[in-house]
Amino acid sequence: MHYVLVLPVINSPFAPELRNVFTLLIATIVLWTLFLKAFSLWYAARGGQKWWFIFLLIINTAGILEIIYLIWFRPPSTKDTSEKETPVQHSSVQA
């Protein structure tokens, strides 16, 4: 006995070529949103900004809220390369 999986046909007012473009566009927007969300959540967690972390986690705005946070509210970087470098000591050559 053979079973056949029957998928419903999705009626779309768009031509198949446009449907492919829309699918690619939506997939791109989803990936962009996931990237921005992960990046902004990481900064909010490392910066100890609990309320921003909660807002960014709950509210989905296709990356708009994440961009606002990353541009204006991200905590300043604590890395300062001038303080982290080890000074080089030169030995004097005795003649």
PDB file of N, CA and C in Angstrom:
ATOM      1  N   MET A   1       0.837  -1.167   0.000  1.00  0.00           N
ATOM      2  CA  MET A   1       0.000   0.000   0.000  1.00  0.00           C
ATOM      3  C   MET A   1       0.890   1.241   0.000  1.00  0.00           C
ATOM      4  N   HIS A   2       0.653   2.168  -0.906  1.00  0.00           N
ATOM      5  CA  HIS A   2       1.446   3.386  -1.036  1.00  0.00           C
ATOM      6  C   HIS A   2       0.620   4.578  -0.595  1.00  0.00           C
ATOM      7  N   TYR A   3       1.281   5.448   0.162  1.00  0.00           N
ATOM      8  CA  TYR A   3       0.633   6.676   0.586  1.00  0.00           C
ATOM      9  C   TYR A   3       1.233   7.832  -0.187  1.00  0.00           C
ATOM     10  N   VAL A   4       0.412   8.750  -0.574  1.00  0.00           N
ATOM     11  CA  VAL A   4       0.861   9.912  -1.320  1.00  0.00           C
ATOM     12  C   VAL A   4       0.577  11.146  -0.473  1.00  0.00           C
ATOM     13  N   LEU A   5       1.607  11.946  -0.309  1.00  0.00           N
ATOM     14  CA  LEU A   5       1.456  13.192   0.427  1.00  0.00           C
ATOM     15  C   LEU A   5       0.934  14.256  -0.526  1.00  0.00           C
ATOM     16  N   VAL A   6      -0.202  14.801  -0.205  1.00  0.00           N
ATOM     17  CA  VAL A   6      -0.804  15.821  -1.055  1.00  0.00           C
ATOM     18  C   VAL A   6      -0.715  17.148  -0.334  1.00  0.00           C
ATOM     19  N   LEU A   7       0.024  18.091  -0.937  1.00  0.00           N
ATOM     20  CA  LEU A   7       0.158  19.421  -0.362  1.00  0.00           C
ATOM     21  C   LEU A   7      -0.869  20.347  -0.991  1.00  0.00           C
ATOM     22  N   PRO A   8      -1.438  21.231  -0.206  1.00  0.00           N
ATOM     23  CA  PRO A   8      -2.419  22.148  -0.787  1.00  0.00           C
ATOM     24  C   PRO A   8      -1.735  23.118  -1.745  1.00  0.00           C
ATOM     25  N   VAL A   9      -2.406  23.452  -2.805  1.00  0.00           N
ATOM     26  CA  VAL A   9      -1.889  24.412  -3.768  1.00  0.00           C
ATOM     27  C   VAL A   9      -2.207  25.799  -3.254  1.00  0.00           C
ATOM     28  N   ILE A  10      -1.174  26.624  -3.170  1.00  0.00           N
ATOM     29  CA  ILE A  10      -1.369  27.990  -2.686  1.00  0.00           C
ATOM     30  C   ILE A  10      -1.707  28.868  -3.874  1.00  0.00           C
ATOM     31  N   ASN A  11      -2.887  29.419  -3.838  1.00  0.00           N
ATOM     32  CA  ASN A  11      -3.290  30.322  -4.911  1.00  0.00           C
ATOM     33  C   ASN A  11      -2.712  31.697  -4.624  1.00  0.00           C
ATOM     34  N   SER A  12      -1.940  32.178  -5.540  1.00  0.00           N
ATOM     35  CA  SER A  12      -1.303  33.470  -5.376  1.00  0.00           C
ATOM     36  C   SER A  12      -1.633  34.346  -6.578  1.00  0.00           C
ATOM     37  N   PRO A  13      -1.864  35.630  -6.337  1.00  0.00           N
ATOM     38  CA  PRO A  13      -2.130  36.529  -7.464  1.00  0.00           C
ATOM     39  C   PRO A  13      -0.858  36.888  -8.229  1.00  0.00           C
ATOM     40  N   PHE A  14       0.300  36.483  -7.713  1.00  0.00           N
ATOM     41  CA  PHE A  14       1.569  36.823  -8.342  1.00  0.00           C
ATOM     42  C   PHE A  14       2.058  35.698  -9.242  1.00  0.00           C
ATOM     43  N   ALA A  15       2.820  36.084 -10.233  1.00  0.00           N
ATOM     44  CA  ALA A  15       3.435  35.098 -11.114  1.00  0.00           C
ATOM     45  C   ALA A  15       4.502  34.335 -10.331  1.00  0.00           C
ATOM     46  N   PRO A  16       4.825  33.123 -10.726  1.00  0.00           N
ATOM     47  CA  PRO A  16       5.839  32.349  -9.996  1.00  0.00           C
ATOM     48  C   PRO A  16       7.179  33.066  -9.873  1.00  0.00           C
ATOM     49  N   GLU A  17       7.550  33.859 -10.867  1.00  0.00           N
ATOM     50  CA  GLU A  17       8.814  34.593 -10.777  1.00  0.00           C
ATOM     51  C   GLU A  17       8.781  35.616  -9.649  1.00  0.00           C
ATOM     52  N   LEU A  18       7.672  36.325  -9.516  1.00  0.00           N
ATOM     53  CA  LEU A  18       7.544  37.301  -8.435  1.00  0.00           C
ATOM     54  C   LEU A  18       7.469  36.613  -7.078  1.00  0.00           C
ATOM     55  N   ARG A  19       6.843  35.465  -7.034  1.00  0.00           N
ATOM     56  CA  ARG A  19       6.756  34.714  -5.787  1.00  0.00           C
ATOM     57  C   ARG A  19       8.168  34.348  -5.307  1.00  0.00           C
ATOM     58  N   ASN A  20       9.042  33.975  -6.229  1.00  0.00           N
ATOM     59  CA  ASN A  20      10.424  33.658  -5.861  1.00  0.00           C
ATOM     60  C   ASN A  20      11.165  34.889  -5.341  1.00  0.00           C
ATOM     61  N   VAL A  21      10.917  36.030  -5.958  1.00  0.00           N
ATOM     62  CA  VAL A  21      11.551  37.273  -5.507  1.00  0.00           C
ATOM     63  C   VAL A  21      11.068  37.630  -4.111  1.00  0.00           C
ATOM     64  N   PHE A  22       9.759  37.521  -3.870  1.00  0.00           N
ATOM     65  CA  PHE A  22       9.211  37.826  -2.555  1.00  0.00           C
ATOM     66  C   PHE A  22       9.743  36.866  -1.495  1.00  0.00           C
ATOM     67  N   THR A  23       9.880  35.607  -1.849  1.00  0.00           N
ATOM     68  CA  THR A  23      10.427  34.627  -0.906  1.00  0.00           C
ATOM     69  C   THR A  23      11.868  34.984  -0.545  1.00  0.00           C
ATOM     70  N   LEU A  24      12.658  35.355  -1.519  1.00  0.00           N
ATOM     71  CA  LEU A  24      14.038  35.754  -1.266  1.00  0.00           C
ATOM     72  C   LEU A  24      14.093  37.030  -0.435  1.00  0.00           C
ATOM     73  N   LEU A  25      13.228  37.977  -0.720  1.00  0.00           N
ATOM     74  CA  LEU A  25      13.180  39.222   0.038  1.00  0.00           C
ATOM     75  C   LEU A  25      12.817  38.960   1.501  1.00  0.00           C
ATOM     76  N   ILE A  26      11.827  38.153   1.734  1.00  0.00           N
ATOM     77  CA  ILE A  26      11.413  37.843   3.107  1.00  0.00           C
ATOM     78  C   ILE A  26      12.515  37.094   3.848  1.00  0.00           C
ATOM     79  N   ALA A  27      13.169  36.145   3.178  1.00  0.00           N
ATOM     80  CA  ALA A  27      14.264  35.405   3.812  1.00  0.00           C
ATOM     81  C   ALA A  27      15.410  36.347   4.174  1.00  0.00           C
ATOM     82  N   THR A  28      15.706  37.310   3.314  1.00  0.00           N
ATOM     83  CA  THR A  28      16.758  38.289   3.589  1.00  0.00           C
ATOM     84  C   THR A  28      16.398  39.160   4.789  1.00  0.00           C
ATOM     85  N   ILE A  29      15.161  39.612   4.856  1.00  0.00           N
ATOM     86  CA  ILE A  29      14.713  40.436   5.985  1.00  0.00           C
ATOM     87  C   ILE A  29      14.775  39.641   7.283  1.00  0.00           C
ATOM     88  N   VAL A  30      14.377  38.386   7.255  1.00  0.00           N
ATOM     89  CA  VAL A  30      14.422  37.546   8.455  1.00  0.00           C
ATOM     90  C   VAL A  30      15.862  37.370   8.931  1.00  0.00           C
ATOM     91  N   LEU A  31      16.785  37.084   8.026  1.00  0.00           N
ATOM     92  CA  LEU A  31      18.190  36.913   8.415  1.00  0.00           C
ATOM     93  C   LEU A  31      18.783  38.209   8.952  1.00  0.00           C
ATOM     94  N   TRP A  32      18.471  39.339   8.320  1.00  0.00           N
ATOM     95  CA  TRP A  32      18.951  40.643   8.776  1.00  0.00           C
ATOM     96  C   TRP A  32      18.423  40.944  10.183  1.00  0.00           C
ATOM     97  N   THR A  33      17.144  40.662  10.418  1.00  0.00           N
ATOM     98  CA  THR A  33      16.550  40.899  11.730  1.00  0.00           C
ATOM     99  C   THR A  33      17.192  40.017  12.793  1.00  0.00           C
ATOM    100  N   LEU A  34      17.417  38.747  12.477  1.00  0.00           N
ATOM    101  CA  LEU A  34      18.062  37.853  13.447  1.00  0.00           C
ATOM    102  C   LEU A  34      19.469  38.319  13.780  1.00  0.00           C
ATOM    103  N   PHE A  35      20.221  38.766  12.780  1.00  0.00           N
ATOM    104  CA  PHE A  35      21.572  39.266  13.021  1.00  0.00           C
ATOM    105  C   PHE A  35      21.544  40.493  13.930  1.00  0.00           C
ATOM    106  N   LEU A  36      20.690  41.472  13.605  1.00  0.00           N
ATOM    107  CA  LEU A  36      20.612  42.679  14.424  1.00  0.00           C
ATOM    108  C   LEU A  36      20.134  42.378  15.839  1.00  0.00           C
ATOM    109  N   LYS A  37      19.165  41.484  15.968  1.00  0.00           N
ATOM    110  CA  LYS A  37      18.649  41.140  17.283  1.00  0.00           C
ATOM    111  C   LYS A  37      19.739  40.496  18.139  1.00  0.00           C
ATOM    112  N   ALA A  38      20.472  39.546  17.566  1.00  0.00           N
ATOM    113  CA  ALA A  38      21.549  38.885  18.319  1.00  0.00           C
ATOM    114  C   ALA A  38      22.624  39.885  18.711  1.00  0.00           C
ATOM    115  N   PHE A  39      23.011  40.774  17.800  1.00  0.00           N
ATOM    116  CA  PHE A  39      24.054  41.756  18.058  1.00  0.00           C
ATOM    117  C   PHE A  39      23.636  42.724  19.166  1.00  0.00           C
ATOM    118  N   SER A  40      22.413  43.239  19.090  1.00  0.00           N
ATOM    119  CA  SER A  40      21.949  44.199  20.092  1.00  0.00           C
ATOM    120  C   SER A  40      21.698  43.530  21.444  1.00  0.00           C
ATOM    121  N   LEU A  41      21.186  42.298  21.451  1.00  0.00           N
ATOM    122  CA  LEU A  41      21.002  41.585  22.725  1.00  0.00           C
ATOM    123  C   LEU A  41      22.343  41.327  23.397  1.00  0.00           C
ATOM    124  N   TRP A  42      23.359  41.012  22.604  1.00  0.00           N
ATOM    125  CA  TRP A  42      24.693  40.761  23.152  1.00  0.00           C
ATOM    126  C   TRP A  42      25.234  42.019  23.825  1.00  0.00           C
ATOM    127  N   TYR A  43      25.106  43.180  23.153  1.00  0.00           N
ATOM    128  CA  TYR A  43      25.586  44.430  23.748  1.00  0.00           C
ATOM    129  C   TYR A  43      24.786  44.800  24.994  1.00  0.00           C
ATOM    130  N   ALA A  44      23.471  44.619  24.960  1.00  0.00           N
ATOM    131  CA  ALA A  44      22.648  44.956  26.129  1.00  0.00           C
ATOM    132  C   ALA A  44      23.000  44.069  27.315  1.00  0.00           C
ATOM    133  N   ALA A  45      23.249  42.794  27.077  1.00  0.00           N
ATOM    134  CA  ALA A  45      23.599  41.875  28.171  1.00  0.00           C
ATOM    135  C   ALA A  45      24.974  42.219  28.736  1.00  0.00           C
ATOM    136  N   ARG A  46      25.936  42.477  27.874  1.00  0.00           N
ATOM    137  CA  ARG A  46      27.293  42.803  28.347  1.00  0.00           C
ATOM    138  C   ARG A  46      27.340  44.149  29.042  1.00  0.00           C
ATOM    139  N   GLY A  47      26.442  45.059  28.655  1.00  0.00           N
ATOM    140  CA  GLY A  47      26.419  46.384  29.267  1.00  0.00           C
ATOM    141  C   GLY A  47      25.566  46.454  30.521  1.00  0.00           C
ATOM    142  N   GLY A  48      24.930  45.338  30.909  1.00  0.00           N
ATOM    143  CA  GLY A  48      24.095  45.329  32.105  1.00  0.00           C
ATOM    144  C   GLY A  48      22.807  46.118  31.950  1.00  0.00           C
ATOM    145  N   GLN A  49      22.326  46.279  30.737  1.00  0.00           N
ATOM    146  CA  GLN A  49      21.102  47.038  30.477  1.00  0.00           C
ATOM    147  C   GLN A  49      19.916  46.078  30.402  1.00  0.00           C
ATOM    148  N   LYS A  50      19.416  45.727  31.592  1.00  0.00           N
ATOM    149  CA  LYS A  50      18.361  44.718  31.700  1.00  0.00           C
ATOM    150  C   LYS A  50      17.089  45.115  30.946  1.00  0.00           C
ATOM    151  N   TRP A  51      16.659  46.363  31.072  1.00  0.00           N
ATOM    152  CA  TRP A  51      15.408  46.776  30.437  1.00  0.00           C
ATOM    153  C   TRP A  51      15.535  46.796  28.919  1.00  0.00           C
ATOM    154  N   TRP A  52      16.670  47.226  28.403  1.00  0.00           N
ATOM    155  CA  TRP A  52      16.871  47.165  26.950  1.00  0.00           C
ATOM    156  C   TRP A  52      16.872  45.726  26.475  1.00  0.00           C
ATOM    157  N   PHE A  53      17.495  44.847  27.244  1.00  0.00           N
ATOM    158  CA  PHE A  53      17.524  43.437  26.877  1.00  0.00           C
ATOM    159  C   PHE A  53      16.108  42.882  26.760  1.00  0.00           C
ATOM    160  N   ILE A  54      15.260  43.208  27.735  1.00  0.00           N
ATOM    161  CA  ILE A  54      13.876  42.723  27.735  1.00  0.00           C
ATOM    162  C   ILE A  54      13.102  43.289  26.548  1.00  0.00           C
ATOM    163  N   PHE A  55      13.220  44.609  26.312  1.00  0.00           N
ATOM    164  CA  PHE A  55      12.518  45.225  25.184  1.00  0.00           C
ATOM    165  C   PHE A  55      12.964  44.624  23.861  1.00  0.00           C
ATOM    166  N   LEU A  56      14.266  44.478  23.686  1.00  0.00           N
ATOM    167  CA  LEU A  56      14.784  43.941  22.427  1.00  0.00           C
ATOM    168  C   LEU A  56      14.381  42.491  22.231  1.00  0.00           C
ATOM    169  N   LEU A  57      14.277  41.739  23.313  1.00  0.00           N
ATOM    170  CA  LEU A  57      13.907  40.337  23.225  1.00  0.00           C
ATOM    171  C   LEU A  57      12.430  40.163  22.855  1.00  0.00           C
ATOM    172  N   ILE A  58      11.571  41.028  23.389  1.00  0.00           N
ATOM    173  CA  ILE A  58      10.131  40.869  23.212  1.00  0.00           C
ATOM    174  C   ILE A  58       9.617  41.558  21.950  1.00  0.00           C
ATOM    175  N   ILE A  59      10.073  42.770  21.688  1.00  0.00           N
ATOM    176  CA  ILE A  59       9.511  43.576  20.605  1.00  0.00           C
ATOM    177  C   ILE A  59      10.221  43.260  19.288  1.00  0.00           C
ATOM    178  N   ASN A  60       9.451  42.889  18.275  1.00  0.00           N
ATOM    179  CA  ASN A  60       9.988  42.623  16.944  1.00  0.00           C
ATOM    180  C   ASN A  60       9.586  43.754  16.012  1.00  0.00           C
ATOM    181  N   THR A  61      10.580  44.462  15.478  1.00  0.00           N
ATOM    182  CA  THR A  61      10.305  45.603  14.616  1.00  0.00           C
ATOM    183  C   THR A  61      11.105  45.534  13.315  1.00  0.00           C
ATOM    184  N   ALA A  62      11.452  44.347  12.874  1.00  0.00           N
ATOM    185  CA  ALA A  62      12.236  44.153  11.644  1.00  0.00           C
ATOM    186  C   ALA A  62      13.558  44.902  11.704  1.00  0.00           C
ATOM    187  N   GLY A  63      14.127  44.986  12.895  1.00  0.00           N
ATOM    188  CA  GLY A  63      15.453  45.576  13.048  1.00  0.00           C
ATOM    189  C   GLY A  63      15.468  47.051  13.396  1.00  0.00           C
ATOM    190  N   ILE A  64      14.330  47.730  13.378  1.00  0.00           N
ATOM    191  CA  ILE A  64      14.313  49.172  13.622  1.00  0.00           C
ATOM    192  C   ILE A  64      14.720  49.494  15.055  1.00  0.00           C
ATOM    193  N   LEU A  65      14.125  48.824  16.035  1.00  0.00           N
ATOM    194  CA  LEU A  65      14.468  49.071  17.429  1.00  0.00           C
ATOM    195  C   LEU A  65      15.928  48.695  17.695  1.00  0.00           C
ATOM    196  N   GLU A  66      16.400  47.627  17.092  1.00  0.00           N
ATOM    197  CA  GLU A  66      17.776  47.198  17.284  1.00  0.00           C
ATOM    198  C   GLU A  66      18.760  48.227  16.732  1.00  0.00           C
ATOM    199  N   ILE A  67      18.447  48.801  15.575  1.00  0.00           N
ATOM    200  CA  ILE A  67      19.318  49.828  14.991  1.00  0.00           C
ATOM    201  C   ILE A  67      19.341  51.070  15.876  1.00  0.00           C
ATOM    202  N   ILE A  68      18.186  51.483  16.391  1.00  0.00           N
ATOM    203  CA  ILE A  68      18.122  52.636  17.295  1.00  0.00           C
ATOM    204  C   ILE A  68      18.978  52.389  18.522  1.00  0.00           C
ATOM    205  N   TYR A  69      18.864  51.203  19.100  1.00  0.00           N
ATOM    206  CA  TYR A  69      19.660  50.876  20.288  1.00  0.00           C
ATOM    207  C   TYR A  69      21.151  50.898  19.969  1.00  0.00           C
ATOM    208  N   LEU A  70      21.549  50.235  18.886  1.00  0.00           N
ATOM    209  CA  LEU A  70      22.973  50.134  18.563  1.00  0.00           C
ATOM    210  C   LEU A  70      23.592  51.485  18.231  1.00  0.00           C
ATOM    211  N   ILE A  71      22.827  52.411  17.676  1.00  0.00           N
ATOM    212  CA  ILE A  71      23.382  53.716  17.328  1.00  0.00           C
ATOM    213  C   ILE A  71      23.415  54.662  18.529  1.00  0.00           C
ATOM    214  N   TRP A  72      22.318  54.747  19.305  1.00  0.00           N
ATOM    215  CA  TRP A  72      22.233  55.774  20.336  1.00  0.00           C
ATOM    216  C   TRP A  72      22.336  55.286  21.779  1.00  0.00           C
ATOM    217  N   PHE A  73      22.044  54.040  22.080  1.00  0.00           N
ATOM    218  CA  PHE A  73      21.965  53.616  23.474  1.00  0.00           C
ATOM    219  C   PHE A  73      22.959  52.530  23.861  1.00  0.00           C
ATOM    220  N   ARG A  74      23.785  52.082  22.955  1.00  0.00           N
ATOM    221  CA  ARG A  74      24.760  51.036  23.248  1.00  0.00           C
ATOM    222  C   ARG A  74      25.779  51.580  24.234  1.00  0.00           C
ATOM    223  N   PRO A  75      26.155  50.782  25.253  1.00  0.00           N
ATOM    224  CA  PRO A  75      27.147  51.265  26.205  1.00  0.00           C
ATOM    225  C   PRO A  75      28.500  51.447  25.515  1.00  0.00           C
ATOM    226  N   PRO A  76      29.283  52.405  25.985  1.00  0.00           N
ATOM    227  CA  PRO A  76      30.591  52.629  25.358  1.00  0.00           C
ATOM    228  C   PRO A  76      31.498  51.422  25.549  1.00  0.00           C
ATOM    229  N   SER A  77      32.377  51.233  24.614  1.00  0.00           N
ATOM    230  CA  SER A  77      33.311  50.111  24.657  1.00  0.00           C
ATOM    231  C   SER A  77      34.296  50.314  25.799  1.00  0.00           C
ATOM    232  N   THR A  78      34.596  49.244  26.512  1.00  0.00           N
ATOM    233  CA  THR A  78      35.535  49.340  27.634  1.00  0.00           C
ATOM    234  C   THR A  78      36.957  49.045  27.208  1.00  0.00           C
ATOM    235  N   LYS A  79      37.149  48.683  25.958  1.00  0.00           N
ATOM    236  CA  LYS A  79      38.487  48.374  25.477  1.00  0.00           C
ATOM    237  C   LYS A  79      39.194  49.662  25.069  1.00  0.00           C
ATOM    238  N   ASP A  80      40.324  49.910  25.690  1.00  0.00           N
ATOM    239  CA  ASP A  80      41.157  51.038  25.323  1.00  0.00           C
ATOM    240  C   ASP A  80      42.528  50.468  25.002  1.00  0.00           C
ATOM    241  N   THR A  81      42.906  50.520  23.752  1.00  0.00           N
ATOM    242  CA  THR A  81      44.144  49.861  23.326  1.00  0.00           C
ATOM    243  C   THR A  81      45.380  50.505  23.932  1.00  0.00           C
ATOM    244  N   SER A  82      45.335  51.789  24.273  1.00  0.00           N
ATOM    245  CA  SER A  82      46.524  52.436  24.819  1.00  0.00           C
ATOM    246  C   SER A  82      46.849  51.924  26.221  1.00  0.00           C
ATOM    247  N   GLU A  83      45.848  51.518  26.993  1.00  0.00           N
ATOM    248  CA  GLU A  83      46.095  51.025  28.341  1.00  0.00           C
ATOM    249  C   GLU A  83      46.450  49.543  28.357  1.00  0.00           C
ATOM    250  N   LYS A  84      46.033  48.784  27.364  1.00  0.00           N
ATOM    251  CA  LYS A  84      46.221  47.344  27.351  1.00  0.00           C
ATOM    252  C   LYS A  84      47.589  46.915  26.816  1.00  0.00           C
ATOM    253  N   GLU A  85      48.261  47.800  26.086  1.00  0.00           N
ATOM    254  CA  GLU A  85      49.518  47.417  25.480  1.00  0.00           C
ATOM    255  C   GLU A  85      50.618  47.330  26.531  1.00  0.00           C
ATOM    256  N   THR A  86      51.473  46.362  26.390  1.00  0.00           N
ATOM    257  CA  THR A  86      52.606  46.192  27.282  1.00  0.00           C
ATOM    258  C   THR A  86      53.749  47.041  26.748  1.00  0.00           C
ATOM    259  N   PRO A  87      54.335  47.856  27.625  1.00  0.00           N
ATOM    260  CA  PRO A  87      55.419  48.706  27.137  1.00  0.00           C
ATOM    261  C   PRO A  87      56.639  47.864  26.755  1.00  0.00           C
ATOM    262  N   VAL A  88      57.281  48.290  25.709  1.00  0.00           N
ATOM    263  CA  VAL A  88      58.474  47.579  25.242  1.00  0.00           C
ATOM    264  C   VAL A  88      59.687  48.230  25.866  1.00  0.00           C
ATOM    265  N   GLN A  89      60.535  47.409  26.477  1.00  0.00           N
ATOM    266  CA  GLN A  89      61.746  47.920  27.087  1.00  0.00           C
ATOM    267  C   GLN A  89      62.930  47.611  26.175  1.00  0.00           C
ATOM    268  N   HIS A  90      63.652  48.645  25.812  1.00  0.00           N
ATOM    269  CA  HIS A  90      64.801  48.484  24.955  1.00  0.00           C
ATOM    270  C   HIS A  90      66.048  48.371  25.825  1.00  0.00           C
ATOM    271  N   SER A  91      66.874  47.412  25.516  1.00  0.00           N
ATOM    272  CA  SER A  91      68.122  47.315  26.275  1.00  0.00           C
ATOM    273  C   SER A  91      69.144  48.227  25.643  1.00  0.00           C
ATOM    274  N   SER A  92      69.885  48.924  26.511  1.00  0.00           N
ATOM    275  CA  SER A  92      70.893  49.828  25.983  1.00  0.00           C
ATOM    276  C   SER A  92      72.145  49.038  25.624  1.00  0.00           C
ATOM    277  N   VAL A  93      72.748  49.402  24.533  1.00  0.00           N
ATOM    278  CA  VAL A  93      73.941  48.706  24.072  1.00  0.00           C
ATOM    279  C   VAL A  93      75.156  49.382  24.681  1.00  0.00           C
ATOM    280  N   GLN A  94      75.956  48.642  25.390  1.00  0.00           N
ATOM    281  CA  GLN A  94      77.155  49.161  26.012  1.00  0.00           C
ATOM    282  C   GLN A  94      78.331  48.995  25.067  1.00  0.00           C
ATOM    283  N   ALA A  95      79.058  50.059  24.814  1.00  0.00           N
ATOM    284  CA  ALA A  95      80.204  49.976  23.910  1.00  0.00           C
ATOM    285  C   ALA A  95      81.495  49.915  24.649  1.00  0.00           C
TER     286      ALA A  95
END
